[in-house]
C-alpha cells in the first residue's frame, strides 16, 4: 500500500527526533512502502563492504533511512520547522508552509 506524503525528494528538512536531532539536509529518497526517507548528511551508519571490481572494500559511511514522522519541512522564509498545507492556485494544488503561508513547490 502506498501512501501520499507531504515531504518530497529535494525538499529541505530538519530532523526533529532521534540520534541526528537538529541536523538539516535535503531529502535524497522517499520509501513510500515503509514511510521512511533518506536525508543527506544525517543518520550516518558504517557499512562494511567486501572488495569488488568497482570498489576496494573496507568501512564506508553512508546515510540510513529515517521514519518520515521524525523529519519536518523547513519554512522557506523563516528557516524553521513548519507543517504543510495545501492551496489551489491557478487551478492546481500546491503545498504551502503553514508557518509563513509561502508556497513550497518549485
N, C-alpha and C. Protein backbone atom coordinates (compact mmCIF):
# COMPACT_ATOMS: atom_id res chain seq x y z
N UNK A 1 0.84 -1.18 0.00
CA UNK A 1 0.00 0.00 0.00
C UNK A 1 0.88 1.24 0.00
N UNK A 2 0.71 2.10 -0.96
CA UNK A 2 1.50 3.33 -0.99
C UNK A 2 0.62 4.50 -0.55
N UNK A 3 1.22 5.37 0.24
CA UNK A 3 0.52 6.49 0.82
C UNK A 3 1.14 7.78 0.30
N UNK A 4 0.36 8.85 0.20
CA UNK A 4 0.90 10.14 -0.22
C UNK A 4 1.45 10.88 0.99
N UNK A 5 2.67 11.40 0.85
CA UNK A 5 3.30 12.12 1.94
C UNK A 5 3.45 13.58 1.57
N UNK A 6 3.64 14.43 2.58
CA UNK A 6 3.80 15.86 2.35
C UNK A 6 5.25 16.25 2.14
N UNK A 7 6.16 15.28 2.25
CA UNK A 7 7.59 15.51 2.02
C UNK A 7 7.98 14.82 0.72
N UNK A 8 8.70 15.55 -0.14
CA UNK A 8 9.10 15.01 -1.44
C UNK A 8 10.62 15.03 -1.58
N UNK A 9 11.11 14.31 -2.57
CA UNK A 9 12.53 14.31 -2.89
C UNK A 9 12.95 15.73 -3.26
N UNK A 10 14.08 16.18 -2.71
CA UNK A 10 14.58 17.51 -3.00
C UNK A 10 14.19 18.56 -1.98
N UNK A 11 13.28 18.23 -1.05
CA UNK A 11 12.86 19.19 -0.01
C UNK A 11 13.96 19.36 1.04
N UNK A 12 14.04 20.55 1.62
CA UNK A 12 14.93 20.81 2.74
C UNK A 12 14.16 20.48 4.02
N UNK A 13 14.72 19.57 4.83
CA UNK A 13 14.05 19.15 6.06
C UNK A 13 15.02 19.24 7.24
N UNK A 14 14.43 19.20 8.44
CA UNK A 14 15.20 19.15 9.67
C UNK A 14 14.76 17.90 10.43
N UNK A 15 15.71 17.23 11.06
CA UNK A 15 15.39 16.04 11.85
C UNK A 15 14.94 16.52 13.22
N UNK A 16 13.74 16.10 13.64
CA UNK A 16 13.18 16.59 14.90
C UNK A 16 13.24 15.58 16.03
N UNK A 17 13.69 14.36 15.72
CA UNK A 17 13.75 13.34 16.76
C UNK A 17 14.81 12.31 16.39
N UNK A 18 15.43 11.73 17.42
CA UNK A 18 16.39 10.66 17.19
C UNK A 18 17.83 11.11 17.34
N UNK A 19 18.73 10.25 16.92
CA UNK A 19 20.16 10.47 17.10
C UNK A 19 20.67 11.70 16.34
N UNK A 20 20.07 12.01 15.21
CA UNK A 20 20.50 13.14 14.37
C UNK A 20 19.65 14.38 14.58
N UNK A 21 19.00 14.51 15.73
CA UNK A 21 18.09 15.63 16.00
C UNK A 21 18.79 16.97 15.79
N UNK A 22 18.12 17.87 15.06
CA UNK A 22 18.64 19.20 14.82
C UNK A 22 19.40 19.34 13.52
N UNK A 23 19.77 18.24 12.88
CA UNK A 23 20.52 18.32 11.63
C UNK A 23 19.58 18.58 10.47
N UNK A 24 20.06 19.37 9.51
CA UNK A 24 19.27 19.71 8.34
C UNK A 24 19.90 19.10 7.10
N UNK A 25 19.07 18.84 6.11
CA UNK A 25 19.58 18.29 4.86
C UNK A 25 18.48 18.19 3.82
N UNK A 26 18.87 17.72 2.66
CA UNK A 26 17.94 17.56 1.55
C UNK A 26 17.48 16.11 1.48
N UNK A 27 16.21 15.90 1.16
CA UNK A 27 15.67 14.55 1.02
C UNK A 27 16.22 13.95 -0.27
N UNK A 28 16.94 12.83 -0.14
CA UNK A 28 17.53 12.16 -1.30
C UNK A 28 16.60 11.11 -1.88
N UNK A 29 15.83 10.43 -1.02
CA UNK A 29 14.97 9.35 -1.47
C UNK A 29 13.80 9.19 -0.50
N UNK A 30 12.64 8.84 -1.02
CA UNK A 30 11.45 8.58 -0.21
C UNK A 30 11.01 7.14 -0.44
N UNK A 31 10.92 6.36 0.64
CA UNK A 31 10.42 4.99 0.56
C UNK A 31 8.97 4.99 1.00
N UNK A 32 8.05 4.96 0.04
CA UNK A 32 6.64 5.10 0.36
C UNK A 32 6.07 3.87 1.06
N UNK A 33 6.60 2.69 0.75
CA UNK A 33 6.06 1.46 1.34
C UNK A 33 6.29 1.41 2.85
N UNK A 34 7.49 1.86 3.28
CA UNK A 34 7.84 1.78 4.70
C UNK A 34 7.78 3.12 5.40
N UNK A 35 7.33 4.18 4.72
CA UNK A 35 7.18 5.53 5.28
C UNK A 35 8.50 6.05 5.84
N UNK A 36 9.57 5.93 5.06
CA UNK A 36 10.89 6.37 5.50
C UNK A 36 11.52 7.26 4.44
N UNK A 37 12.47 8.12 4.86
CA UNK A 37 13.19 9.00 3.94
C UNK A 37 14.68 8.93 4.24
N UNK A 38 15.49 9.19 3.21
CA UNK A 38 16.94 9.30 3.38
C UNK A 38 17.27 10.78 3.24
N UNK A 39 17.90 11.35 4.30
CA UNK A 39 18.24 12.77 4.32
C UNK A 39 19.76 12.91 4.23
N UNK A 40 20.21 13.77 3.35
CA UNK A 40 21.63 13.97 3.09
C UNK A 40 22.37 14.42 4.36
N UNK A 41 23.41 13.67 4.73
CA UNK A 41 24.28 14.04 5.84
C UNK A 41 23.74 13.72 7.23
N UNK A 42 22.62 13.02 7.33
CA UNK A 42 22.06 12.69 8.65
C UNK A 42 21.96 11.18 8.82
N UNK A 43 21.87 10.73 10.05
CA UNK A 43 21.73 9.32 10.40
C UNK A 43 22.80 8.47 9.71
N UNK A 44 24.06 8.89 9.86
CA UNK A 44 25.17 8.19 9.22
C UNK A 44 25.47 6.88 9.94
N UNK A 45 25.65 5.81 9.16
CA UNK A 45 26.00 4.50 9.70
C UNK A 45 27.23 3.99 8.96
N UNK A 46 27.97 3.09 9.61
CA UNK A 46 29.14 2.50 8.98
C UNK A 46 28.75 1.15 8.38
N UNK A 47 29.10 0.94 7.12
CA UNK A 47 28.78 -0.31 6.42
C UNK A 47 30.08 -0.95 5.98
N UNK A 48 30.28 -2.20 6.34
CA UNK A 48 31.47 -2.94 5.96
C UNK A 48 31.22 -3.60 4.61
N UNK A 49 32.07 -3.29 3.63
CA UNK A 49 31.88 -3.82 2.28
C UNK A 49 33.05 -4.69 1.86
N UNK A 50 32.75 -5.72 1.07
CA UNK A 50 33.78 -6.60 0.54
C UNK A 50 34.43 -5.95 -0.67
N UNK A 51 35.67 -6.27 -0.92
CA UNK A 51 36.30 -5.75 -2.14
C UNK A 51 35.62 -6.33 -3.38
N UNK A 52 35.47 -5.50 -4.40
CA UNK A 52 34.88 -5.95 -5.66
C UNK A 52 35.63 -5.28 -6.81
N UNK A 53 35.17 -5.52 -8.01
CA UNK A 53 35.81 -4.91 -9.17
C UNK A 53 35.64 -3.39 -9.18
N UNK A 54 34.56 -2.91 -8.57
CA UNK A 54 34.27 -1.47 -8.56
C UNK A 54 34.89 -0.74 -7.37
N UNK A 55 34.99 -1.40 -6.22
CA UNK A 55 35.48 -0.71 -5.03
C UNK A 55 36.53 -1.55 -4.31
N UNK A 56 37.34 -0.87 -3.52
CA UNK A 56 38.41 -1.56 -2.80
C UNK A 56 37.90 -2.27 -1.55
N UNK A 57 36.71 -1.94 -1.10
CA UNK A 57 36.19 -2.53 0.12
C UNK A 57 36.60 -1.74 1.34
N UNK A 58 36.19 -2.19 2.51
CA UNK A 58 36.50 -1.51 3.75
C UNK A 58 35.25 -0.98 4.42
N UNK A 59 35.44 -0.02 5.31
CA UNK A 59 34.32 0.55 6.05
C UNK A 59 33.87 1.83 5.35
N UNK A 60 32.60 1.88 4.95
CA UNK A 60 32.04 3.03 4.24
C UNK A 60 30.98 3.66 5.13
N UNK A 61 30.98 4.99 5.21
CA UNK A 61 29.95 5.69 5.98
C UNK A 61 28.89 6.20 5.01
N UNK A 62 27.62 5.89 5.28
CA UNK A 62 26.54 6.31 4.39
C UNK A 62 25.30 6.66 5.20
N UNK A 63 24.35 7.33 4.55
CA UNK A 63 23.11 7.73 5.22
C UNK A 63 22.14 6.55 5.28
N UNK A 64 21.52 6.38 6.44
CA UNK A 64 20.47 5.37 6.60
C UNK A 64 19.13 6.09 6.59
N UNK A 65 18.06 5.34 6.40
CA UNK A 65 16.73 5.96 6.33
C UNK A 65 16.22 6.34 7.72
N UNK A 66 15.33 7.33 7.75
CA UNK A 66 14.70 7.83 8.97
C UNK A 66 13.20 7.77 8.73
N UNK A 67 12.43 7.48 9.78
CA UNK A 67 10.99 7.47 9.62
C UNK A 67 10.50 8.88 9.30
N UNK A 68 9.51 8.97 8.42
CA UNK A 68 9.05 10.26 7.93
C UNK A 68 8.46 11.14 9.03
N UNK A 69 8.00 10.52 10.12
CA UNK A 69 7.45 11.30 11.23
C UNK A 69 8.53 12.01 12.03
N UNK A 70 9.80 11.65 11.81
CA UNK A 70 10.91 12.26 12.54
C UNK A 70 11.56 13.41 11.79
N UNK A 71 10.99 13.82 10.66
CA UNK A 71 11.51 14.98 9.93
C UNK A 71 10.40 16.00 9.73
N UNK A 72 10.79 17.28 9.65
CA UNK A 72 9.83 18.35 9.39
C UNK A 72 10.39 19.23 8.28
N UNK A 73 9.50 19.70 7.43
CA UNK A 73 9.89 20.58 6.35
C UNK A 73 10.39 21.91 6.91
N UNK A 74 11.35 22.53 6.24
CA UNK A 74 11.87 23.82 6.67
C UNK A 74 11.15 24.92 5.91
N UNK A 75 10.66 25.92 6.65
CA UNK A 75 9.97 27.06 6.06
C UNK A 75 10.93 27.84 5.16
N UNK A 76 10.52 28.15 3.91
CA UNK A 76 11.43 28.86 3.01
C UNK A 76 11.76 30.28 3.44
N UNK A 77 10.92 30.90 4.27
CA UNK A 77 11.14 32.29 4.70
C UNK A 77 11.91 32.35 6.02
N UNK A 78 11.43 31.62 7.03
CA UNK A 78 11.99 31.73 8.38
C UNK A 78 13.06 30.70 8.70
N UNK A 79 13.25 29.70 7.85
CA UNK A 79 14.21 28.61 8.07
C UNK A 79 13.99 27.88 9.39
N UNK A 80 12.73 27.68 9.75
CA UNK A 80 12.35 26.94 10.94
C UNK A 80 11.39 25.82 10.52
N UNK A 81 11.22 24.79 11.37
CA UNK A 81 10.30 23.70 11.01
C UNK A 81 8.87 24.21 10.83
N UNK A 82 8.16 23.63 9.88
CA UNK A 82 6.79 24.04 9.61
C UNK A 82 5.95 22.84 9.22
N UNK A 83 4.65 22.97 9.42
CA UNK A 83 3.71 21.99 8.90
C UNK A 83 3.38 22.36 7.47
N UNK A 84 2.78 21.43 6.74
CA UNK A 84 2.49 21.64 5.33
C UNK A 84 0.99 21.69 5.12
N UNK A 85 0.56 22.68 4.34
CA UNK A 85 -0.84 22.79 3.96
C UNK A 85 -0.94 22.77 2.45
N UNK A 86 -2.16 22.77 1.95
CA UNK A 86 -2.38 22.78 0.51
C UNK A 86 -3.29 23.95 0.15
N UNK A 87 -3.11 24.47 -1.08
CA UNK A 87 -3.91 25.58 -1.55
C UNK A 87 -4.07 25.45 -3.07
N UNK A 88 -5.20 25.88 -3.59
CA UNK A 88 -5.42 25.86 -5.02
C UNK A 88 -4.98 27.20 -5.60
N UNK A 89 -4.02 27.17 -6.54
CA UNK A 89 -3.53 28.37 -7.20
C UNK A 89 -3.54 28.12 -8.71
N UNK A 90 -4.25 28.95 -9.44
CA UNK A 90 -4.37 28.83 -10.89
C UNK A 90 -4.82 27.44 -11.32
N UNK A 91 -5.74 26.86 -10.58
CA UNK A 91 -6.29 25.56 -10.94
C UNK A 91 -5.43 24.37 -10.60
N UNK A 92 -4.31 24.57 -9.88
CA UNK A 92 -3.50 23.42 -9.46
C UNK A 92 -3.24 23.49 -7.96
N UNK A 93 -3.11 22.33 -7.38
CA UNK A 93 -2.93 22.21 -5.93
C UNK A 93 -1.44 22.32 -5.61
N UNK A 94 -1.06 23.27 -4.75
CA UNK A 94 0.34 23.44 -4.37
C UNK A 94 0.49 23.32 -2.86
N UNK A 95 1.70 22.98 -2.43
CA UNK A 95 1.99 22.90 -0.99
C UNK A 95 2.40 24.28 -0.49
N UNK A 96 1.92 24.62 0.71
CA UNK A 96 2.30 25.89 1.34
C UNK A 96 2.81 25.61 2.75
N UNK A 97 3.69 26.48 3.24
CA UNK A 97 4.20 26.37 4.60
C UNK A 97 3.18 27.01 5.54
N UNK A 98 2.72 26.28 6.54
CA UNK A 98 1.72 26.80 7.46
C UNK A 98 2.28 27.96 8.30
N UNK A 99 3.58 27.96 8.58
CA UNK A 99 4.19 28.98 9.43
C UNK A 99 4.14 30.36 8.76
N UNK A 100 4.49 30.41 7.45
CA UNK A 100 4.56 31.71 6.77
C UNK A 100 3.51 31.90 5.68
N UNK A 101 2.91 30.82 5.24
CA UNK A 101 1.92 30.90 4.16
C UNK A 101 2.53 30.95 2.78
N UNK A 102 3.86 30.80 2.67
CA UNK A 102 4.53 30.87 1.38
C UNK A 102 4.49 29.51 0.68
N UNK A 103 4.45 29.51 -0.66
CA UNK A 103 4.45 28.22 -1.38
C UNK A 103 5.80 27.52 -1.26
N UNK A 104 5.73 26.19 -1.19
CA UNK A 104 6.95 25.37 -1.07
C UNK A 104 7.34 24.82 -2.43
N UNK A 105 6.36 24.48 -3.25
CA UNK A 105 6.64 23.84 -4.53
C UNK A 105 7.48 24.73 -5.42
N UNK A 106 8.37 24.06 -6.17
CA UNK A 106 9.29 24.78 -7.04
C UNK A 106 8.61 25.23 -8.31
